[in-house]
């Protein structure tokens, strides 16, 4: 299997069945030339003008199977920071006018 073929496969998290995306890069050990990590780049923000979300690095030990169409991994999903609840538009408008 070539690196190109490996990067064309979908990466799926086994516990929840979530598709994490495709491998964008690989990290090798320079001394032994063994594959160490799969790297999935974060989503681009505003078409990439504002950079990207954090990349996900999956160690080789967490890869369960490399199949014909997908790579199955045991990695934990990245935790999104909790979003504060935003007040509704009308509540803000009514609070501003004091009614």
PDB file of N, CA and C in Angstrom:
ATOM      1  N   UNK A   1       0.840  -1.167   0.000  1.00  0.00           N
ATOM      2  CA  UNK A   1       0.000   0.000   0.000  1.00  0.00           C
ATOM      3  C   UNK A   1       0.893   1.240   0.000  1.00  0.00           C
ATOM      4  N   UNK A   2       0.529   2.211  -0.807  1.00  0.00           N
ATOM      5  CA  UNK A   2       1.294   3.442  -0.889  1.00  0.00           C
ATOM      6  C   UNK A   2       0.749   4.467   0.108  1.00  0.00           C
ATOM      7  N   UNK A   3       1.513   5.517   0.351  1.00  0.00           N
ATOM      8  CA  UNK A   3       1.079   6.584   1.251  1.00  0.00           C
ATOM      9  C   UNK A   3      -0.151   7.268   0.669  1.00  0.00           C
ATOM     10  N   UNK A   4      -0.188   7.436  -0.616  1.00  0.00           N
ATOM     11  CA  UNK A   4      -1.337   8.068  -1.268  1.00  0.00           C
ATOM     12  C   UNK A   4      -2.611   7.255  -1.030  1.00  0.00           C
ATOM     13  N   UNK A   5      -2.524   5.938  -1.161  1.00  0.00           N
ATOM     14  CA  UNK A   5      -3.683   5.083  -0.912  1.00  0.00           C
ATOM     15  C   UNK A   5      -4.127   5.157   0.547  1.00  0.00           C
ATOM     16  N   UNK A   6      -3.163   5.235   1.459  1.00  0.00           N
ATOM     17  CA  UNK A   6      -3.479   5.333   2.876  1.00  0.00           C
ATOM     18  C   UNK A   6      -4.208   6.638   3.188  1.00  0.00           C
ATOM     19  N   UNK A   7      -3.788   7.726   2.569  1.00  0.00           N
ATOM     20  CA  UNK A   7      -4.395   9.032   2.834  1.00  0.00           C
ATOM     21  C   UNK A   7      -5.755   9.201   2.163  1.00  0.00           C
ATOM     22  N   UNK A   8      -6.136   8.323   1.252  1.00  0.00           N
ATOM     23  CA  UNK A   8      -7.445   8.401   0.605  1.00  0.00           C
ATOM     24  C   UNK A   8      -8.533   7.701   1.407  1.00  0.00           C
ATOM     25  N   UNK A   9      -8.174   6.973   2.452  1.00  0.00           N
ATOM     26  CA  UNK A   9      -9.145   6.222   3.244  1.00  0.00           C
ATOM     27  C   UNK A   9      -9.752   7.104   4.333  1.00  0.00           C
ATOM     28  N   UNK A  10     -11.045   6.861   4.623  1.00  0.00           N
ATOM     29  CA  UNK A  10     -11.723   7.556   5.711  1.00  0.00           C
ATOM     30  C   UNK A  10     -11.219   7.003   7.044  1.00  0.00           C
ATOM     31  N   UNK A  11     -11.057   7.874   8.034  1.00  0.00           N
ATOM     32  CA  UNK A  11     -10.659   7.467   9.380  1.00  0.00           C
ATOM     33  C   UNK A  11     -11.922   7.462  10.244  1.00  0.00           C
ATOM     34  N   UNK A  12     -12.248   6.293  10.820  1.00  0.00           N
ATOM     35  CA  UNK A  12     -13.482   6.127  11.590  1.00  0.00           C
ATOM     36  C   UNK A  12     -13.128   5.741  13.018  1.00  0.00           C
ATOM     37  N   UNK A  13     -13.741   6.437  13.979  1.00  0.00           N
ATOM     38  CA  UNK A  13     -13.550   6.143  15.391  1.00  0.00           C
ATOM     39  C   UNK A  13     -14.495   5.008  15.753  1.00  0.00           C
ATOM     40  N   UNK A  14     -13.958   3.919  16.313  1.00  0.00           N
ATOM     41  CA  UNK A  14     -14.731   2.696  16.528  1.00  0.00           C
ATOM     42  C   UNK A  14     -15.831   2.805  17.578  1.00  0.00           C
ATOM     43  N   UNK A  15     -15.564   3.406  18.721  1.00  0.00           N
ATOM     44  CA  UNK A  15     -16.511   3.391  19.817  1.00  0.00           C
ATOM     45  C   UNK A  15     -17.834   4.061  19.464  1.00  0.00           C
ATOM     46  N   UNK A  16     -17.782   5.189  18.744  1.00  0.00           N
ATOM     47  CA  UNK A  16     -18.999   5.923  18.419  1.00  0.00           C
ATOM     48  C   UNK A  16     -19.328   5.876  16.921  1.00  0.00           C
ATOM     49  N   UNK A  17     -18.453   5.312  16.123  1.00  0.00           N
ATOM     50  CA  UNK A  17     -18.706   5.208  14.692  1.00  0.00           C
ATOM     51  C   UNK A  17     -18.642   6.528  13.953  1.00  0.00           C
ATOM     52  N   UNK A  18     -17.903   7.481  14.492  1.00  0.00           N
ATOM     53  CA  UNK A  18     -17.821   8.815  13.910  1.00  0.00           C
ATOM     54  C   UNK A  18     -16.714   8.853  12.865  1.00  0.00           C
ATOM     55  N   UNK A  19     -17.035   9.430  11.708  1.00  0.00           N
ATOM     56  CA  UNK A  19     -16.017   9.627  10.674  1.00  0.00           C
ATOM     57  C   UNK A  19     -15.218  10.876  11.037  1.00  0.00           C
ATOM     58  N   UNK A  20     -13.924  10.720  11.222  1.00  0.00           N
ATOM     59  CA  UNK A  20     -13.061  11.832  11.625  1.00  0.00           C
ATOM     60  C   UNK A  20     -12.493  12.587  10.431  1.00  0.00           C
ATOM     61  N   UNK A  21     -12.594  12.024   9.253  1.00  0.00           N
ATOM     62  CA  UNK A  21     -12.048  12.657   8.057  1.00  0.00           C
ATOM     63  C   UNK A  21     -11.040  11.733   7.391  1.00  0.00           C
ATOM     64  N   UNK A  22     -10.124  12.314   6.674  1.00  0.00           N
ATOM     65  CA  UNK A  22      -9.073  11.553   5.998  1.00  0.00           C
ATOM     66  C   UNK A  22      -7.712  11.976   6.536  1.00  0.00           C
ATOM     67  N   UNK A  23      -6.789  11.044   6.484  1.00  0.00           N
ATOM     68  CA  UNK A  23      -5.430  11.352   6.942  1.00  0.00           C
ATOM     69  C   UNK A  23      -4.812  12.356   5.972  1.00  0.00           C
ATOM     70  N   UNK A  24      -4.339  13.466   6.505  1.00  0.00           N
ATOM     71  CA  UNK A  24      -3.722  14.496   5.673  1.00  0.00           C
ATOM     72  C   UNK A  24      -2.203  14.397   5.658  1.00  0.00           C
ATOM     73  N   UNK A  25      -1.646  13.799   6.715  1.00  0.00           N
ATOM     74  CA  UNK A  25      -0.194  13.727   6.812  1.00  0.00           C
ATOM     75  C   UNK A  25       0.166  12.515   7.660  1.00  0.00           C
ATOM     76  N   UNK A  26       1.398  12.097   7.550  1.00  0.00           N
ATOM     77  CA  UNK A  26       1.921  10.973   8.319  1.00  0.00           C
ATOM     78  C   UNK A  26       3.201  11.417   9.007  1.00  0.00           C
ATOM     79  N   UNK A  27       3.460  10.865  10.191  1.00  0.00           N
ATOM     80  CA  UNK A  27       4.706  11.148  10.897  1.00  0.00           C
ATOM     81  C   UNK A  27       5.481   9.845  11.021  1.00  0.00           C
ATOM     82  N   UNK A  28       6.736   9.890  10.610  1.00  0.00           N
ATOM     83  CA  UNK A  28       7.612   8.718  10.648  1.00  0.00           C
ATOM     84  C   UNK A  28       8.714   8.924  11.665  1.00  0.00           C
ATOM     85  N   UNK A  29       9.208   7.821  12.234  1.00  0.00           N
ATOM     86  CA  UNK A  29      10.377   7.852  13.100  1.00  0.00           C
ATOM     87  C   UNK A  29      11.601   7.923  12.191  1.00  0.00           C
ATOM     88  N   UNK A  30      12.418   8.958  12.297  1.00  0.00           N
ATOM     89  CA  UNK A  30      13.551   9.091  11.381  1.00  0.00           C
ATOM     90  C   UNK A  30      14.611   7.997  11.541  1.00  0.00           C
ATOM     91  N   UNK A  31      14.700   7.412  12.722  1.00  0.00           N
ATOM     92  CA  UNK A  31      15.723   6.390  12.944  1.00  0.00           C
ATOM     93  C   UNK A  31      15.334   5.047  12.329  1.00  0.00           C
ATOM     94  N   UNK A  32      14.045   4.681  12.452  1.00  0.00           N
ATOM     95  CA  UNK A  32      13.628   3.359  11.993  1.00  0.00           C
ATOM     96  C   UNK A  32      12.735   3.397  10.758  1.00  0.00           C
ATOM     97  N   UNK A  33      12.285   4.568  10.351  1.00  0.00           N
ATOM     98  CA  UNK A  33      11.387   4.758   9.211  1.00  0.00           C
ATOM     99  C   UNK A  33      10.041   4.069   9.422  1.00  0.00           C
ATOM    100  N   UNK A  34       9.645   3.889  10.682  1.00  0.00           N
ATOM    101  CA  UNK A  34       8.337   3.307  10.985  1.00  0.00           C
ATOM    102  C   UNK A  34       7.306   4.418  11.137  1.00  0.00           C
ATOM    103  N   UNK A  35       6.095   4.108  10.723  1.00  0.00           N
ATOM    104  CA  UNK A  35       5.007   5.062  10.847  1.00  0.00           C
ATOM    105  C   UNK A  35       4.647   5.241  12.317  1.00  0.00           C
ATOM    106  N   UNK A  36       4.604   6.498  12.789  1.00  0.00           N
ATOM    107  CA  UNK A  36       4.285   6.773  14.188  1.00  0.00           C
ATOM    108  C   UNK A  36       2.881   7.332  14.367  1.00  0.00           C
ATOM    109  N   UNK A  37       2.461   8.256  13.512  1.00  0.00           N
ATOM    110  CA  UNK A  37       1.188   8.945  13.697  1.00  0.00           C
ATOM    111  C   UNK A  37       0.499   9.198  12.362  1.00  0.00           C
ATOM    112  N   UNK A  38      -0.830   9.204  12.419  1.00  0.00           N
ATOM    113  CA  UNK A  38      -1.646   9.753  11.336  1.00  0.00           C
ATOM    114  C   UNK A  38      -2.065  11.136  11.798  1.00  0.00           C
ATOM    115  N   UNK A  39      -2.026  12.104  10.924  1.00  0.00           N
ATOM    116  CA  UNK A  39      -2.385  13.467  11.281  1.00  0.00           C
ATOM    117  C   UNK A  39      -3.561  13.905  10.419  1.00  0.00           C
ATOM    118  N   UNK A  40      -4.644  14.314  11.084  1.00  0.00           N
ATOM    119  CA  UNK A  40      -5.826  14.834  10.406  1.00  0.00           C
ATOM    120  C   UNK A  40      -5.884  16.317  10.692  1.00  0.00           C
ATOM    121  N   UNK A  41      -5.807  17.133   9.657  1.00  0.00           N
ATOM    122  CA  UNK A  41      -5.835  18.578   9.839  1.00  0.00           C
ATOM    123  C   UNK A  41      -7.219  19.021  10.286  1.00  0.00           C
ATOM    124  N   UNK A  42      -7.265  20.092  11.088  1.00  0.00           N
ATOM    125  CA  UNK A  42      -8.542  20.634  11.555  1.00  0.00           C
ATOM    126  C   UNK A  42      -9.302  21.286  10.417  1.00  0.00           C
ATOM    127  N   UNK A  43     -10.575  21.534  10.653  1.00  0.00           N
ATOM    128  CA  UNK A  43     -11.408  22.172   9.639  1.00  0.00           C
ATOM    129  C   UNK A  43     -10.962  23.604   9.405  1.00  0.00           C
ATOM    130  N   UNK A  44     -10.981  24.061   8.156  1.00  0.00           N
ATOM    131  CA  UNK A  44     -10.649  25.459   7.890  1.00  0.00           C
ATOM    132  C   UNK A  44     -11.758  26.376   8.387  1.00  0.00           C
ATOM    133  N   UNK A  45     -11.353  27.514   8.923  1.00  0.00           N
ATOM    134  CA  UNK A  45     -12.318  28.508   9.383  1.00  0.00           C
ATOM    135  C   UNK A  45     -12.375  29.637   8.369  1.00  0.00           C
ATOM    136  N   UNK A  46     -13.568  29.965   7.911  1.00  0.00           N
ATOM    137  CA  UNK A  46     -13.814  31.001   6.904  1.00  0.00           C
ATOM    138  C   UNK A  46     -12.931  30.778   5.680  1.00  0.00           C
ATOM    139  N   UNK A  47     -13.094  29.601   5.098  1.00  0.00           N
ATOM    140  CA  UNK A  47     -12.378  29.197   3.883  1.00  0.00           C
ATOM    141  C   UNK A  47     -10.863  29.211   4.059  1.00  0.00           C
ATOM    142  N   UNK A  48     -10.392  29.034   5.286  1.00  0.00           N
ATOM    143  CA  UNK A  48      -8.968  28.982   5.563  1.00  0.00           C
ATOM    144  C   UNK A  48      -8.342  30.335   5.840  1.00  0.00           C
ATOM    145  N   UNK A  49      -9.116  31.409   5.699  1.00  0.00           N
ATOM    146  CA  UNK A  49      -8.562  32.746   5.938  1.00  0.00           C
ATOM    147  C   UNK A  49      -8.264  32.981   7.413  1.00  0.00           C
ATOM    148  N   UNK A  50      -9.022  32.330   8.291  1.00  0.00           N
ATOM    149  CA  UNK A  50      -8.815  32.485   9.729  1.00  0.00           C
ATOM    150  C   UNK A  50      -8.069  31.302  10.324  1.00  0.00           C
ATOM    151  N   UNK A  51      -7.371  30.565   9.490  1.00  0.00           N
ATOM    152  CA  UNK A  51      -6.615  29.413   9.968  1.00  0.00           C
ATOM    153  C   UNK A  51      -7.482  28.173  10.032  1.00  0.00           C
ATOM    154  N   UNK A  52      -7.072  27.233  10.856  1.00  0.00           N
ATOM    155  CA  UNK A  52      -7.768  25.956  10.999  1.00  0.00           C
ATOM    156  C   UNK A  52      -8.009  25.655  12.464  1.00  0.00           C
ATOM    157  N   UNK A  53      -8.962  24.751  12.698  1.00  0.00           N
ATOM    158  CA  UNK A  53      -9.131  24.199  14.038  1.00  0.00           C
ATOM    159  C   UNK A  53      -7.914  23.337  14.335  1.00  0.00           C
ATOM    160  N   UNK A  54      -7.820  22.838  15.568  1.00  0.00           N
ATOM    161  CA  UNK A  54      -6.666  22.015  15.941  1.00  0.00           C
ATOM    162  C   UNK A  54      -6.619  20.714  15.154  1.00  0.00           C
ATOM    163  N   UNK A  55      -5.413  20.293  14.824  1.00  0.00           N
ATOM    164  CA  UNK A  55      -5.226  19.022  14.129  1.00  0.00           C
ATOM    165  C   UNK A  55      -5.363  17.873  15.116  1.00  0.00           C
ATOM    166  N   UNK A  56      -5.772  16.711  14.602  1.00  0.00           N
ATOM    167  CA  UNK A  56      -5.907  15.514  15.413  1.00  0.00           C
ATOM    168  C   UNK A  56      -4.778  14.567  15.053  1.00  0.00           C
ATOM    169  N   UNK A  57      -3.980  14.183  16.040  1.00  0.00           N
ATOM    170  CA  UNK A  57      -2.875  13.258  15.832  1.00  0.00           C
ATOM    171  C   UNK A  57      -3.253  11.910  16.428  1.00  0.00           C
ATOM    172  N   UNK A  58      -3.210  10.869  15.601  1.00  0.00           N
ATOM    173  CA  UNK A  58      -3.585   9.524  16.041  1.00  0.00           C
ATOM    174  C   UNK A  58      -2.330   8.660  16.076  1.00  0.00           C
ATOM    175  N   UNK A  59      -1.906   8.216  17.271  1.00  0.00           N
ATOM    176  CA  UNK A  59      -0.726   7.350  17.360  1.00  0.00           C
ATOM    177  C   UNK A  59      -0.974   6.005  16.681  1.00  0.00           C
ATOM    178  N   UNK A  60       0.084   5.401  16.176  1.00  0.00           N
ATOM    179  CA  UNK A  60      -0.010   4.126  15.482  1.00  0.00           C
ATOM    180  C   UNK A  60      -0.622   3.046  16.359  1.00  0.00           C
ATOM    181  N   UNK A  61      -0.397   3.097  17.667  1.00  0.00           N
ATOM    182  CA  UNK A  61      -0.906   2.089  18.584  1.00  0.00           C
ATOM    183  C   UNK A  61      -2.432   2.120  18.666  1.00  0.00           C
ATOM    184  N   UNK A  62      -3.066   3.231  18.333  1.00  0.00           N
ATOM    185  CA  UNK A  62      -4.518   3.355  18.426  1.00  0.00           C
ATOM    186  C   UNK A  62      -5.227   2.931  17.137  1.00  0.00           C
ATOM    187  N   UNK A  63      -4.486   2.559  16.116  1.00  0.00           N
ATOM    188  CA  UNK A  63      -5.083   2.099  14.866  1.00  0.00           C
ATOM    189  C   UNK A  63      -5.412   0.622  15.015  1.00  0.00           C
ATOM    190  N   UNK A  64      -6.695   0.306  14.847  1.00  0.00           N
ATOM    191  CA  UNK A  64      -7.153  -1.079  14.978  1.00  0.00           C
ATOM    192  C   UNK A  64      -6.957  -1.838  13.671  1.00  0.00           C
ATOM    193  N   UNK A  65      -7.490  -1.304  12.564  1.00  0.00           N
ATOM    194  CA  UNK A  65      -7.465  -2.000  11.288  1.00  0.00           C
ATOM    195  C   UNK A  65      -7.367  -0.995  10.153  1.00  0.00           C
ATOM    196  N   UNK A  66      -6.629  -1.363   9.134  1.00  0.00           N
ATOM    197  CA  UNK A  66      -6.618  -0.600   7.888  1.00  0.00           C
ATOM    198  C   UNK A  66      -7.305  -1.480   6.857  1.00  0.00           C
ATOM    199  N   UNK A  67      -8.534  -1.111   6.503  1.00  0.00           N
ATOM    200  CA  UNK A  67      -9.324  -1.906   5.578  1.00  0.00           C
ATOM    201  C   UNK A  67      -9.229  -1.379   4.158  1.00  0.00           C
ATOM    202  N   UNK A  68     -10.082  -1.916   3.298  1.00  0.00           N
ATOM    203  CA  UNK A  68     -10.086  -1.522   1.895  1.00  0.00           C
ATOM    204  C   UNK A  68     -10.582  -0.087   1.718  1.00  0.00           C
ATOM    205  N   UNK A  69     -11.542   0.334   2.563  1.00  0.00           N
ATOM    206  CA  UNK A  69     -12.135   1.662   2.404  1.00  0.00           C
ATOM    207  C   UNK A  69     -11.919   2.596   3.585  1.00  0.00           C
ATOM    208  N   UNK A  70     -11.538   2.047   4.738  1.00  0.00           N
ATOM    209  CA  UNK A  70     -11.473   2.882   5.939  1.00  0.00           C
ATOM    210  C   UNK A  70     -10.358   2.427   6.869  1.00  0.00           C
ATOM    211  N   UNK A  71      -9.981   3.345   7.750  1.00  0.00           N
ATOM    212  CA  UNK A  71      -9.021   3.071   8.817  1.00  0.00           C
ATOM    213  C   UNK A  71      -9.799   3.184  10.122  1.00  0.00           C
ATOM    214  N   UNK A  72      -9.845   2.104  10.898  1.00  0.00           N
ATOM    215  CA  UNK A  72     -10.582   2.085  12.159  1.00  0.00           C
ATOM    216  C   UNK A  72      -9.630   2.375  13.310  1.00  0.00           C
ATOM    217  N   UNK A  73     -10.000   3.341  14.161  1.00  0.00           N
ATOM    218  CA  UNK A  73      -9.113   3.770  15.250  1.00  0.00           C
ATOM    219  C   UNK A  73      -9.867   3.774  16.577  1.00  0.00           C
ATOM    220  N   UNK A  74      -9.117   3.692  17.676  1.00  0.00           N
ATOM    221  CA  UNK A  74      -9.669   3.717  19.035  1.00  0.00           C
ATOM    222  C   UNK A  74      -9.435   5.055  19.717  1.00  0.00           C
ATOM    223  N   UNK A  75      -9.084   6.071  19.002  1.00  0.00           N
ATOM    224  CA  UNK A  75      -8.738   7.349  19.609  1.00  0.00           C
ATOM    225  C   UNK A  75      -9.951   8.040  20.208  1.00  0.00           C
ATOM    226  N   UNK A  76      -9.716   8.868  21.228  1.00  0.00           N
ATOM    227  CA  UNK A  76     -10.790   9.645  21.840  1.00  0.00           C
ATOM    228  C   UNK A  76     -11.108  10.836  20.943  1.00  0.00           C
ATOM    229  N   UNK A  77     -12.370  11.197  20.922  1.00  0.00           N
ATOM    230  CA  UNK A  77     -12.782  12.349  20.121  1.00  0.00           C
ATOM    231  C   UNK A  77     -12.341  13.631  20.795  1.00  0.00           C
ATOM    232  N   UNK A  78     -11.953  14.633  19.993  1.00  0.00           N
ATOM    233  CA  UNK A  78     -11.585  15.910  20.605  1.00  0.00           C
ATOM    234  C   UNK A  78     -12.804  16.553  21.260  1.00  0.00           C
ATOM    235  N   UNK A  79     -12.613  17.112  22.443  1.00  0.00           N
ATOM    236  CA  UNK A  79     -13.709  17.733  23.175  1.00  0.00           C
ATOM    237  C   UNK A  79     -13.828  19.197  22.768  1.00  0.00           C
ATOM    238  N   UNK A  80     -15.019  19.587  22.348  1.00  0.00           N
ATOM    239  CA  UNK A  80     -15.272  20.985  22.007  1.00  0.00           C
ATOM    240  C   UNK A  80     -15.548  21.746  23.299  1.00  0.00           C
ATOM    241  N   UNK A  81     -15.031  22.970  23.420  1.00  0.00           N
ATOM    242  CA  UNK A  81     -15.314  23.736  24.627  1.00  0.00           C
ATOM    243  C   UNK A  81     -16.812  24.055  24.701  1.00  0.00           C
ATOM    244  N   UNK A  82     -17.385  24.055  25.898  1.00  0.00           N
ATOM    245  CA  UNK A  82     -18.818  24.342  26.010  1.00  0.00           C
ATOM    246  C   UNK A  82     -19.127  25.752  25.542  1.00  0.00           C
ATOM    247  N   UNK A  83     -20.179  25.871  24.761  1.00  0.00           N
ATOM    248  CA  UNK A  83     -20.585  27.170  24.238  1.00  0.00           C
ATOM    249  C   UNK A  83     -21.588  27.801  25.203  1.00  0.00           C
ATOM    250  N   UNK A  84     -21.380  29.066  25.581  1.00  0.00           N
ATOM    251  CA  UNK A  84     -22.370  29.712  26.445  1.00  0.00           C
ATOM    252  C   UNK A  84     -23.669  29.928  25.667  1.00  0.00           C
ATOM    253  N   UNK A  85     -24.783  29.775  26.376  1.00  0.00           N
ATOM    254  CA  UNK A  85     -26.074  29.956  25.722  1.00  0.00           C
ATOM    255  C   UNK A  85     -26.266  31.427  25.392  1.00  0.00           C
ATOM    256  N   UNK A  86     -26.594  31.700  24.165  1.00  0.00           N
ATOM    257  CA  UNK A  86     -26.799  33.083  23.736  1.00  0.00           C
ATOM    258  C   UNK A  86     -28.279  33.419  23.866  1.00  0.00           C
ATOM    259  N   UNK A  87     -28.575  34.591  24.391  1.00  0.00           N
ATOM    260  CA  UNK A  87     -29.974  34.963  24.499  1.00  0.00           C
ATOM    261  C   UNK A  87     -30.581  35.161  23.112  1.00  0.00           C
ATOM    262  N   UNK A  88     -31.862  34.901  23.030  1.00  0.00           N
ATOM    263  CA  UNK A  88     -32.558  35.059  21.762  1.00  0.00           C
ATOM    264  C   UNK A  88     -32.606  36.536  21.373  1.00  0.00           C
ATOM    265  N   UNK A  89     -32.752  36.782  20.108  1.00  0.00           N
ATOM    266  CA  UNK A  89     -32.768  38.135  19.575  1.00  0.00           C
ATOM    267  C   UNK A  89     -33.868  38.975  20.230  1.00  0.00           C
ATOM    268  N   UNK A  90     -35.068  38.410  20.342  1.00  0.00           N
ATOM    269  CA  UNK A  90     -36.185  39.172  20.881  1.00  0.00           C
ATOM    270  C   UNK A  90     -36.011  39.468  22.363  1.00  0.00           C
ATOM    271  N   UNK A  91     -35.425  38.528  23.116  1.00  0.00           N
ATOM    272  CA  UNK A  91     -35.188  38.797  24.538  1.00  0.00           C
ATOM    273  C   UNK A  91     -34.212  39.954  24.717  1.00  0.00           C
ATOM    274  N   UNK A  92     -33.186  40.002  23.895  1.00  0.00           N
ATOM    275  CA  UNK A  92     -32.224  41.114  23.982  1.00  0.00           C
ATOM    276  C   UNK A  92     -32.881  42.416  23.600  1.00  0.00           C
ATOM    277  N   UNK A  93     -33.723  42.386  22.566  1.00  0.00           N
ATOM    278  CA  UNK A  93     -34.373  43.592  22.124  1.00  0.00           C
ATOM    279  C   UNK A  93     -35.345  44.120  23.185  1.00  0.00           C
ATOM    280  N   UNK A  94     -36.135  43.211  23.774  1.00  0.00           N
ATOM    281  CA  UNK A  94     -37.078  43.618  24.817  1.00  0.00           C
ATOM    282  C   UNK A  94     -36.338  44.092  26.055  1.00  0.00           C
ATOM    283  N   UNK A  95     -35.232  43.478  26.414  1.00  0.00           N
ATOM    284  CA  UNK A  95     -34.473  43.926  27.583  1.00  0.00           C
ATOM    285  C   UNK A  95     -33.896  45.317  27.343  1.00  0.00           C
ATOM    286  N   UNK A  96     -33.521  45.592  26.109  1.00  0.00           N
ATOM    287  CA  UNK A  96     -32.934  46.893  25.785  1.00  0.00           C
ATOM    288  C   UNK A  96     -33.992  48.003  25.924  1.00  0.00           C
ATOM    289  N   UNK A  97     -35.235  47.712  25.536  1.00  0.00           N
ATOM    290  CA  UNK A  97     -36.286  48.709  25.581  1.00  0.00           C
ATOM    291  C   UNK A  97     -37.031  48.740  26.916  1.00  0.00           C
ATOM    292  N   UNK A  98     -36.687  47.815  27.803  1.00  0.00           N
ATOM    293  CA  UNK A  98     -37.252  47.827  29.151  1.00  0.00           C
ATOM    294  C   UNK A  98     -38.691  47.377  29.237  1.00  0.00           C
ATOM    295  N   UNK A  99     -39.144  46.556  28.309  1.00  0.00           N
ATOM    296  CA  UNK A  99     -40.523  46.063  28.402  1.00  0.00           C
ATOM    297  C   UNK A  99     -40.569  44.617  28.743  1.00  0.00           C
TER     298      UNK A  99
END
